[in-house]
Protein backbone atom coordinates (compact mmCIF):
# COMPACT_ATOMS: atom_id res chain seq x y z
CA MET A 1 -60.31 70.86 -21.17
CA SER A 2 -59.48 67.20 -22.13
CA ILE A 3 -59.67 63.95 -20.38
CA LEU A 4 -56.88 61.95 -22.64
CA GLY A 5 -55.73 58.09 -22.78
CA LYS A 6 -57.61 54.59 -21.67
CA ARG A 7 -59.78 53.52 -19.01
CA ILE A 8 -60.63 56.63 -17.57
CA GLY A 9 -63.51 58.81 -16.96
CA PRO A 10 -64.96 61.84 -15.05
CA GLU A 11 -66.06 59.64 -12.25
CA THR A 12 -62.94 57.73 -12.20
CA LYS A 13 -61.27 57.85 -8.90
CA ILE A 14 -57.79 58.89 -8.04
CA TYR A 15 -55.13 59.74 -5.38
CA ARG A 16 -52.28 61.99 -4.29
CA ILE A 17 -49.82 61.31 -1.13
CA PHE A 18 -48.86 64.72 0.01
CA PRO A 19 -46.02 65.47 2.86
CA ARG A 20 -47.82 66.26 5.89
CA ASP A 21 -46.83 70.13 5.79
CA ARG A 22 -47.67 70.36 2.40
CA PHE A 23 -51.63 68.81 2.94
CA LEU A 24 -51.89 71.56 5.38
CA GLN A 25 -50.79 74.03 3.40
CA LEU A 26 -53.18 73.06 0.52
CA PHE A 27 -55.91 74.19 3.00
CA HIS A 28 -54.51 77.07 4.19
CA GLU A 29 -53.48 78.59 1.26
CA GLU A 30 -56.25 77.34 -1.00
CA GLN A 31 -53.46 77.15 -4.03
CA ASN A 32 -53.15 73.63 -6.04
CA ALA A 33 -49.24 73.57 -7.51
CA LEU A 34 -48.09 72.12 -10.42
CA VAL A 35 -44.32 71.86 -11.22
CA LEU A 36 -42.12 72.32 -14.49
CA PRO A 37 -41.46 68.14 -15.40
CA THR A 38 -37.80 68.72 -15.06
CA MET A 39 -38.15 68.64 -11.02
CA TRP A 40 -39.75 64.89 -11.33
CA ASP A 41 -37.22 62.26 -10.60
CA ASP A 42 -37.40 60.41 -14.38
CA PRO A 43 -34.44 61.83 -16.49
CA PHE A 44 -36.85 60.81 -19.50
CA GLU A 45 -39.43 63.17 -18.04
CA ASN A 46 -40.30 65.85 -20.76
CA ALA A 47 -37.80 64.03 -22.66
CA ILE A 48 -40.04 64.62 -26.36
CA LEU A 49 -40.29 68.59 -25.76
CA LYS A 50 -36.34 68.89 -24.77
CA ALA A 51 -35.05 66.88 -27.36
CA GLU A 52 -34.18 67.71 -30.83
CA VAL A 53 -36.26 68.43 -33.78
CA ARG A 54 -35.76 67.73 -37.31
CA THR A 55 -38.25 69.15 -39.81
CA SER A 56 -39.46 67.96 -43.29
CA ASN A 57 -36.62 70.19 -44.85
CA GLY A 58 -34.11 68.62 -42.78
CA ALA A 59 -33.57 71.61 -40.47
CA LEU A 60 -32.93 70.98 -37.04
CA GLY A 61 -34.11 73.02 -33.85
CA HIS A 62 -35.83 72.44 -30.34
CA PHE A 63 -39.23 73.66 -29.14
CA SER A 64 -39.28 76.71 -27.61
CA PHE A 65 -42.02 75.85 -25.29
CA HIS A 66 -40.86 72.77 -23.66
CA SER A 67 -40.43 75.00 -20.39
CA ASP A 68 -44.43 75.97 -20.84
CA VAL A 69 -45.48 72.69 -19.93
CA TYR A 70 -46.65 72.06 -16.10
CA GLY A 71 -47.66 68.65 -14.49
CA GLN A 72 -49.11 67.41 -11.14
CA CYS A 73 -49.12 63.21 -10.94
CA TRP A 74 -52.01 61.28 -9.18
CA THR A 75 -52.49 57.48 -9.31
CA LEU A 76 -55.06 54.91 -9.63
CA GLU A 77 -53.18 52.83 -6.72
CA THR A 78 -55.90 52.50 -3.61
CA ALA A 79 -53.70 50.46 -1.27
CA SER A 80 -49.84 50.13 -2.39
CA ASP A 81 -46.54 50.19 -0.07
CA ALA A 82 -44.69 51.23 -2.79
CA MET A 83 -46.49 54.41 -3.03
CA TRP A 84 -46.67 55.07 0.54
CA GLN A 85 -42.70 54.11 0.60
CA ILE A 86 -41.91 56.76 -2.03
CA TYR A 87 -44.55 59.32 -1.32
CA SER A 88 -44.33 59.34 2.45
CA ARG A 89 -40.83 59.41 3.64
CA ASN A 90 -41.50 60.26 6.88
CA SER A 91 -44.04 57.69 7.36
CA ASP A 92 -46.60 60.09 8.60
CA ALA A 93 -48.04 61.47 5.07
CA VAL A 94 -51.73 62.13 4.05
CA ARG A 95 -53.26 60.35 1.18
CA VAL A 96 -56.49 62.42 -0.32
CA ARG A 97 -58.48 60.96 -3.03
CA THR A 98 -60.86 62.83 -5.21
CA THR A 99 -61.89 62.29 -9.36
CA VAL A 100 -60.86 62.74 -12.53
CA GLY A 101 -63.55 65.11 -13.11
CA ARG A 102 -63.80 67.21 -10.44
CA LEU A 103 -59.64 67.41 -10.66
CA ILE A 104 -60.04 68.75 -14.20
CA GLU A 105 -62.89 70.69 -13.83
CA SER A 106 -60.82 72.82 -11.04
CA LEU A 107 -57.83 73.68 -13.18
CA SER A 108 -60.37 74.45 -16.28
CA ALA A 109 -62.53 76.89 -14.22
CA SER A 110 -59.24 78.99 -13.57
CA GLN A 111 -58.66 79.19 -17.15
CA ALA A 112 -62.23 80.58 -18.11
CA ASP A 113 -62.66 80.43 -22.02
CA TRP A 114 -58.86 78.76 -22.82
CA ALA A 115 -59.44 75.55 -20.78
CA HIS A 116 -60.00 73.76 -24.38
CA VAL A 117 -56.21 74.73 -25.14
CA SER A 118 -54.62 74.43 -21.52
CA CYS A 119 -56.23 71.84 -19.81
CA PHE A 120 -56.02 68.22 -19.81
CA ILE A 121 -55.57 65.15 -17.51
CA GLY A 122 -54.80 61.75 -18.61
CA ARG A 123 -53.82 58.30 -17.75
CA VAL A 124 -50.11 57.56 -18.17
CA GLU A 125 -49.22 54.44 -20.74
CA TYR A 126 -45.70 52.75 -19.74
CA MET A 127 -43.69 51.85 -22.78
CA SER A 128 -40.60 50.05 -23.28
CA GLU A 129 -37.76 52.44 -23.82
CA LYS A 130 -37.63 51.62 -27.61
CA ARG A 131 -41.31 52.37 -27.66
CA LEU A 132 -40.53 55.18 -25.86
CA ARG A 133 -38.95 56.30 -28.63
CA LYS A 134 -40.67 55.65 -31.60
CA PHE A 135 -43.82 57.17 -29.63
CA GLY A 136 -41.79 60.49 -29.30
CA SER A 137 -40.71 60.61 -33.26
CA THR A 138 -44.54 59.90 -34.16
CA VAL A 139 -46.53 62.04 -31.29
CA PHE A 140 -46.77 65.39 -33.20
CA LYS A 141 -47.50 63.88 -36.85
CA ASP A 142 -50.62 65.19 -36.99
CA GLY A 143 -49.46 68.92 -35.98
CA ILE A 144 -48.09 70.58 -32.64
CA THR A 145 -51.68 70.87 -31.00
CA PRO A 146 -51.78 71.55 -27.14
CA ASN A 147 -53.67 68.09 -27.46
CA ALA A 148 -50.73 66.54 -28.77
CA VAL A 149 -48.35 68.27 -26.28
CA ALA A 150 -50.12 67.10 -23.38
CA ARG A 151 -50.11 63.64 -24.58
CA SER A 152 -46.45 63.78 -24.90
CA LEU A 153 -46.22 63.41 -20.86
CA LEU A 154 -48.45 60.77 -20.69
CA ALA A 155 -45.74 58.08 -22.05
CA LYS A 156 -43.10 56.81 -19.54
CA ARG A 157 -40.41 53.86 -19.04
CA ARG A 158 -42.04 50.67 -17.71
CA ALA A 159 -39.64 51.07 -14.82
CA TYR A 160 -42.52 53.18 -13.28
CA LYS A 161 -45.58 51.32 -13.93
CA HIS A 162 -46.20 50.42 -10.42
CA GLU A 163 -46.86 53.91 -9.93
CA ASN A 164 -50.37 53.70 -12.20
CA GLU A 165 -50.59 57.31 -13.23
CA VAL A 166 -53.47 59.91 -14.09
CA ARG A 167 -51.55 63.40 -14.80
CA LEU A 168 -53.23 66.77 -14.44
CA ILE A 169 -51.52 68.93 -17.49
CA TYR A 170 -51.37 72.73 -17.98
CA PHE A 171 -50.14 74.00 -20.82
CA GLU A 172 -49.05 77.51 -20.39
CA ARG A 173 -50.30 79.75 -23.62
CA ARG A 174 -48.71 83.47 -22.41
CA ASN A 175 -45.23 82.27 -22.57
CA THR A 176 -45.25 83.24 -18.78
CA ALA A 177 -42.47 81.92 -16.73
CA HIS A 178 -43.59 81.14 -13.13
CA PRO A 179 -41.66 81.65 -10.13
CA ASN A 180 -39.08 78.19 -9.21
CA GLY A 181 -41.06 76.42 -11.93
CA VAL A 182 -44.17 76.10 -10.12
CA PHE A 183 -47.83 77.19 -11.58
CA LYS A 184 -50.56 77.46 -8.43
CA TYR A 185 -54.22 78.17 -9.32
CA ALA A 186 -56.92 78.82 -6.90
CA LEU A 187 -58.57 75.72 -5.36
CA ASP A 188 -61.10 74.96 -2.80
CA PRO A 189 -60.14 71.48 -1.90
CA ARG A 190 -63.17 71.41 0.35
CA SER A 191 -65.03 70.88 -2.71
CA VAL A 192 -62.61 68.52 -4.76
CA ILE A 193 -61.48 66.24 -1.75
CA ASP A 194 -63.60 63.26 -0.67
CA GLN A 195 -61.71 61.25 1.85
CA VAL A 196 -58.62 62.04 3.74
CA MET A 197 -56.32 58.89 4.83
CA VAL A 198 -52.99 59.02 6.84
CA ASP A 199 -50.32 56.68 6.67
CA GLY A 200 -50.90 53.69 8.72
CA ARG A 201 -47.29 53.79 10.17
CA VAL A 202 -48.41 56.64 12.04
CA PRO A 203 -48.79 55.27 15.63
CA TYR A 204 -52.75 55.50 16.48
CA ASN A 205 -52.46 57.54 19.80
CA GLU A 206 -50.38 59.79 17.33
CA PHE A 207 -52.90 59.75 14.38
CA LEU A 208 -56.17 60.64 16.65
CA PRO A 209 -55.15 64.27 17.56
CA PHE A 210 -53.97 64.71 13.74
CA LYS A 211 -57.40 63.84 12.75
CA GLU A 212 -59.18 66.30 15.07
CA GLU A 213 -56.88 69.03 13.26
CA VAL A 214 -57.72 68.01 10.22
CA ILE A 215 -61.47 67.84 10.82
CA LYS A 216 -60.95 71.28 12.40
CA LEU A 217 -59.06 72.59 9.67
CA THR A 218 -61.55 71.06 6.69
CA GLY A 219 -64.65 70.86 8.11
CA PHE A 220 -64.70 67.35 7.22
CA PRO A 221 -67.15 64.93 8.91
CA GLU A 222 -65.32 62.59 10.94
CA LYS A 223 -65.87 59.57 8.39
CA MET A 224 -63.64 61.03 5.77
CA VAL A 225 -60.48 61.10 7.88
CA ARG A 226 -59.07 57.88 8.15
CA ARG A 227 -55.72 55.84 9.14
CA SER A 228 -54.88 53.21 6.67
CA LEU A 229 -55.28 49.64 7.12
CA LEU A 230 -52.35 48.50 5.16
CA TYR A 231 -50.01 47.93 8.09
CA ARG A 232 -52.30 46.77 10.72
CA PRO A 233 -51.15 43.13 11.85
CA PRO A 234 -53.04 40.49 10.54
CA LYS A 235 -55.62 38.95 12.82
CA GLY A 236 -57.41 35.50 12.38
CA PHE A 237 -54.65 33.64 11.05
CA LEU A 238 -54.67 29.75 11.99
CA VAL A 239 -52.44 27.54 11.02
CA GLU A 240 -53.16 23.65 11.50
CA LEU A 241 -50.68 21.20 12.24
CA PRO A 242 -50.91 17.54 11.11
């Protein structure tokens, strides 16, 4: 396994917002799911691996493995209205917290001796389109290695900088096409997740029964299941008049 990118390490806390039904599914099925980047919204996703390739002798072609790379997006943002607005479209989603180390170790455990060439996690770097194109033309200058393939998914346009992403990446080495573009692996979420936070736009009287449901399902202590305070009305403001 490899940790790529700047300013993250095994203890770095990362977050992901799940629709409520997907959050419950995670604990019922005990499987984590990574998807083909073509399923993400940005048309530039996986553009490098899908691009036309010119070799040193001038021959043109394409990467045969562009559909063998799967990813899952997490964020370093702890309190972001933009992230809740984008990923909690019904205003009732659930944000979970883990660490870079626990997440990559969960994926690596599923791949055993092949983890070093198939399991990666890294921080996304946001670039201008011009710089992104240059990055794409040089990312394989030292060879087409699994590490370089993973790094090709850690570059994104500046328009998405608010997402402050960390990506979990799996490189399928067996040329296996996973159903519906989704790669799943066994995961015990109770050993990976250390906090559950419900969208603060959920009314408190609706949050309480859902909290009880989560505690019963996960076995988490009460203090690990919270409701975001981002949308709590301000208190204690005093305006002084002349």
